[in-house]
């Protein structure tokens, strides 16, 4: 019984201290949390877009490189045949 009582006392003290030392009103805190969430969402979307663009460019470079190697390989084969 003592552990439950101590827990309740701790929760009560924490709640009182939280209310006394809160830097903003609840409505302002909720707005700040919502703004931070929106900023994080926007940052995540920008990161996904940048990663997608980078992947597409890398794929293009890789494809160009493979084509270049194929061209070089065919030139080497032509020279060996001659």
N, C-alpha and C. Protein backbone atom coordinates (compact mmCIF):
# COMPACT_ATOMS: atom_id res chain seq x y z
N UNK A 1 0.82 -1.20 0.00
CA UNK A 1 0.00 0.00 0.00
C UNK A 1 0.86 1.25 0.00
N UNK A 2 1.99 1.18 0.59
CA UNK A 2 2.88 2.32 0.69
C UNK A 2 3.41 2.73 -0.69
N UNK A 3 3.70 1.76 -1.55
CA UNK A 3 4.23 2.05 -2.88
C UNK A 3 3.19 2.79 -3.73
N UNK A 4 1.92 2.37 -3.63
CA UNK A 4 0.86 3.04 -4.38
C UNK A 4 0.68 4.47 -3.88
N UNK A 5 0.74 4.61 -2.59
CA UNK A 5 0.58 5.94 -1.97
C UNK A 5 1.71 6.86 -2.41
N UNK A 6 2.94 6.36 -2.39
CA UNK A 6 4.09 7.16 -2.81
C UNK A 6 3.99 7.54 -4.29
N UNK A 7 3.52 6.61 -5.09
CA UNK A 7 3.35 6.88 -6.51
C UNK A 7 2.33 8.00 -6.73
N UNK A 8 1.21 7.92 -6.05
CA UNK A 8 0.19 8.96 -6.18
C UNK A 8 0.69 10.31 -5.71
N UNK A 9 1.43 10.33 -4.63
CA UNK A 9 2.01 11.58 -4.13
C UNK A 9 2.98 12.15 -5.16
N UNK A 10 3.82 11.29 -5.75
CA UNK A 10 4.78 11.73 -6.76
C UNK A 10 4.09 12.29 -7.99
N UNK A 11 3.03 11.61 -8.44
CA UNK A 11 2.28 12.09 -9.60
C UNK A 11 1.65 13.44 -9.29
N UNK A 12 1.10 13.58 -8.11
CA UNK A 12 0.47 14.85 -7.71
C UNK A 12 1.48 15.98 -7.65
N UNK A 13 2.62 15.73 -7.04
CA UNK A 13 3.66 16.76 -6.96
C UNK A 13 4.15 17.13 -8.36
N UNK A 14 4.33 16.12 -9.22
CA UNK A 14 4.77 16.38 -10.59
C UNK A 14 3.78 17.23 -11.36
N UNK A 15 2.50 16.94 -11.18
CA UNK A 15 1.46 17.71 -11.88
C UNK A 15 1.45 19.16 -11.41
N UNK A 16 1.55 19.36 -10.11
CA UNK A 16 1.56 20.72 -9.56
C UNK A 16 2.78 21.48 -10.06
N UNK A 17 3.96 20.86 -10.00
CA UNK A 17 5.17 21.53 -10.47
C UNK A 17 5.10 21.81 -11.98
N UNK A 18 4.53 20.89 -12.73
CA UNK A 18 4.38 21.10 -14.17
C UNK A 18 3.51 22.30 -14.46
N UNK A 19 2.43 22.46 -13.72
CA UNK A 19 1.54 23.60 -13.92
C UNK A 19 2.22 24.90 -13.49
N UNK A 20 2.92 24.87 -12.36
CA UNK A 20 3.57 26.07 -11.86
C UNK A 20 4.71 26.54 -12.76
N UNK A 21 5.46 25.63 -13.31
CA UNK A 21 6.65 26.00 -14.07
C UNK A 21 6.48 25.87 -15.58
N UNK A 22 5.28 25.69 -16.04
CA UNK A 22 5.04 25.59 -17.48
C UNK A 22 5.40 26.92 -18.14
N UNK A 23 6.17 26.89 -19.23
CA UNK A 23 6.61 28.14 -19.84
C UNK A 23 5.49 28.87 -20.59
N UNK A 24 4.46 28.16 -21.02
CA UNK A 24 3.38 28.77 -21.80
C UNK A 24 2.04 28.19 -21.37
N UNK A 25 1.00 28.88 -21.82
CA UNK A 25 -0.34 28.34 -21.61
C UNK A 25 -0.49 27.08 -22.44
N UNK A 26 -1.43 26.25 -22.07
CA UNK A 26 -1.67 24.99 -22.78
C UNK A 26 -1.98 25.19 -24.25
N UNK A 27 -2.78 26.21 -24.57
CA UNK A 27 -3.14 26.45 -25.97
C UNK A 27 -1.90 26.82 -26.78
N UNK A 28 -1.02 27.62 -26.21
CA UNK A 28 0.21 28.00 -26.93
C UNK A 28 1.13 26.78 -27.07
N UNK A 29 1.21 25.96 -26.06
CA UNK A 29 2.04 24.76 -26.13
C UNK A 29 1.52 23.82 -27.21
N UNK A 30 0.21 23.65 -27.30
CA UNK A 30 -0.37 22.80 -28.33
C UNK A 30 -0.08 23.35 -29.72
N UNK A 31 -0.16 24.68 -29.89
CA UNK A 31 0.17 25.29 -31.18
C UNK A 31 1.63 25.05 -31.52
N UNK A 32 2.52 25.18 -30.54
CA UNK A 32 3.95 24.94 -30.78
C UNK A 32 4.20 23.49 -31.18
N UNK A 33 3.52 22.57 -30.53
CA UNK A 33 3.67 21.15 -30.87
C UNK A 33 3.17 20.90 -32.29
N UNK A 34 2.03 21.49 -32.64
CA UNK A 34 1.48 21.31 -33.99
C UNK A 34 2.41 21.91 -35.03
N UNK A 35 2.98 23.09 -34.74
CA UNK A 35 3.91 23.72 -35.69
C UNK A 35 5.16 22.87 -35.85
N UNK A 36 5.67 22.36 -34.76
CA UNK A 36 6.86 21.50 -34.84
C UNK A 36 6.55 20.24 -35.65
N UNK A 37 5.39 19.67 -35.44
CA UNK A 37 4.98 18.49 -36.22
C UNK A 37 4.89 18.82 -37.70
N UNK A 38 4.32 19.97 -38.03
CA UNK A 38 4.21 20.38 -39.44
C UNK A 38 5.60 20.60 -40.03
N UNK A 39 6.50 21.22 -39.26
CA UNK A 39 7.87 21.43 -39.74
C UNK A 39 8.58 20.11 -39.97
N UNK A 40 8.40 19.17 -39.06
CA UNK A 40 9.02 17.86 -39.22
C UNK A 40 8.47 17.14 -40.45
N UNK A 41 7.16 17.22 -40.66
CA UNK A 41 6.53 16.60 -41.81
C UNK A 41 7.07 17.22 -43.10
N UNK A 42 7.20 18.55 -43.14
CA UNK A 42 7.73 19.23 -44.32
C UNK A 42 9.19 18.83 -44.57
N UNK A 43 9.96 18.76 -43.49
CA UNK A 43 11.35 18.34 -43.63
C UNK A 43 11.46 16.91 -44.14
N UNK A 44 10.61 16.04 -43.65
CA UNK A 44 10.61 14.64 -44.09
C UNK A 44 10.26 14.56 -45.58
N UNK A 45 9.25 15.33 -46.00
CA UNK A 45 8.86 15.33 -47.41
C UNK A 45 9.99 15.86 -48.29
N UNK A 46 10.69 16.91 -47.82
CA UNK A 46 11.82 17.44 -48.58
C UNK A 46 12.94 16.40 -48.67
N UNK A 47 13.18 15.70 -47.59
CA UNK A 47 14.21 14.66 -47.58
C UNK A 47 13.86 13.55 -48.56
N UNK A 48 12.60 13.11 -48.56
CA UNK A 48 12.17 12.06 -49.50
C UNK A 48 12.33 12.53 -50.94
N UNK A 49 11.95 13.77 -51.21
CA UNK A 49 12.04 14.30 -52.57
C UNK A 49 13.51 14.39 -53.01
N UNK A 50 14.37 14.87 -52.14
CA UNK A 50 15.79 14.98 -52.46
C UNK A 50 16.39 13.59 -52.69
N UNK A 51 16.04 12.65 -51.85
CA UNK A 51 16.56 11.29 -52.00
C UNK A 51 16.08 10.68 -53.32
N UNK A 52 14.84 10.91 -53.66
CA UNK A 52 14.28 10.38 -54.91
C UNK A 52 14.99 11.00 -56.12
N UNK A 53 15.20 12.31 -56.08
CA UNK A 53 15.90 12.98 -57.18
C UNK A 53 17.33 12.46 -57.31
N UNK A 54 18.00 12.30 -56.18
CA UNK A 54 19.37 11.79 -56.19
C UNK A 54 19.43 10.38 -56.75
N UNK A 55 18.48 9.55 -56.36
CA UNK A 55 18.42 8.18 -56.86
C UNK A 55 18.20 8.18 -58.38
N UNK A 56 17.28 9.03 -58.84
CA UNK A 56 17.01 9.10 -60.28
C UNK A 56 18.25 9.54 -61.06
N UNK A 57 18.95 10.57 -60.54
CA UNK A 57 20.17 11.03 -61.21
C UNK A 57 21.23 9.93 -61.20
N UNK A 58 21.36 9.25 -60.08
CA UNK A 58 22.35 8.17 -59.98
C UNK A 58 22.03 7.07 -60.98
N UNK A 59 20.75 6.75 -61.11
CA UNK A 59 20.34 5.72 -62.07
C UNK A 59 20.69 6.15 -63.49
N UNK A 60 20.46 7.43 -63.80
CA UNK A 60 20.79 7.94 -65.13
C UNK A 60 22.29 7.85 -65.39
N UNK A 61 23.09 8.27 -64.40
CA UNK A 61 24.55 8.20 -64.55
C UNK A 61 25.01 6.75 -64.72
N UNK A 62 24.43 5.85 -63.96
CA UNK A 62 24.80 4.44 -64.06
C UNK A 62 24.45 3.90 -65.45
N UNK A 63 23.28 4.23 -65.93
CA UNK A 63 22.86 3.77 -67.25
C UNK A 63 23.79 4.33 -68.33
N UNK A 64 24.14 5.60 -68.23
CA UNK A 64 25.08 6.20 -69.20
C UNK A 64 26.43 5.50 -69.13
N UNK A 65 26.88 5.20 -67.92
CA UNK A 65 28.15 4.51 -67.76
C UNK A 65 28.13 3.13 -68.37
N UNK A 66 27.05 2.41 -68.18
CA UNK A 66 26.93 1.06 -68.74
C UNK A 66 26.91 1.14 -70.26
N UNK A 67 26.20 2.10 -70.81
CA UNK A 67 26.17 2.27 -72.26
C UNK A 67 27.56 2.62 -72.78
N UNK A 68 28.28 3.47 -72.07
CA UNK A 68 29.63 3.85 -72.47
C UNK A 68 30.56 2.65 -72.45
N UNK A 69 30.42 1.82 -71.43
CA UNK A 69 31.25 0.61 -71.34
C UNK A 69 30.92 -0.32 -72.50
N UNK A 70 29.65 -0.45 -72.84
CA UNK A 70 29.24 -1.29 -73.96
C UNK A 70 29.82 -0.78 -75.26
N UNK A 71 29.82 0.54 -75.44
CA UNK A 71 30.39 1.13 -76.65
C UNK A 71 31.89 0.86 -76.71
N UNK A 72 32.56 1.08 -75.58
CA UNK A 72 34.00 0.84 -75.52
C UNK A 72 34.31 -0.62 -75.78
N UNK A 73 33.53 -1.51 -75.21
CA UNK A 73 33.72 -2.94 -75.38
C UNK A 73 33.58 -3.34 -76.85
N UNK A 74 32.56 -2.77 -77.53
CA UNK A 74 32.38 -3.11 -78.95
C UNK A 74 33.53 -2.57 -79.78
N UNK A 75 34.07 -1.41 -79.44
CA UNK A 75 35.23 -0.87 -80.15
C UNK A 75 36.45 -1.77 -79.97
N UNK A 76 36.65 -2.27 -78.75
CA UNK A 76 37.78 -3.16 -78.47
C UNK A 76 37.62 -4.45 -79.27
N UNK A 77 36.41 -4.99 -79.30
CA UNK A 77 36.16 -6.22 -80.07
C UNK A 77 36.42 -5.97 -81.55
N UNK A 78 36.01 -4.83 -82.07
CA UNK A 78 36.25 -4.50 -83.47
C UNK A 78 37.75 -4.44 -83.76
N UNK A 79 38.51 -3.87 -82.85
CA UNK A 79 39.96 -3.76 -83.03
C UNK A 79 40.62 -5.13 -82.97
N UNK A 80 40.12 -6.02 -82.14
CA UNK A 80 40.70 -7.37 -82.04
C UNK A 80 40.41 -8.18 -83.29
N UNK A 81 39.23 -7.95 -83.87
CA UNK A 81 38.85 -8.67 -85.07
C UNK A 81 39.72 -8.27 -86.26
N UNK A 82 40.13 -7.02 -86.28
CA UNK A 82 40.94 -6.50 -87.39
C UNK A 82 42.31 -7.00 -87.25
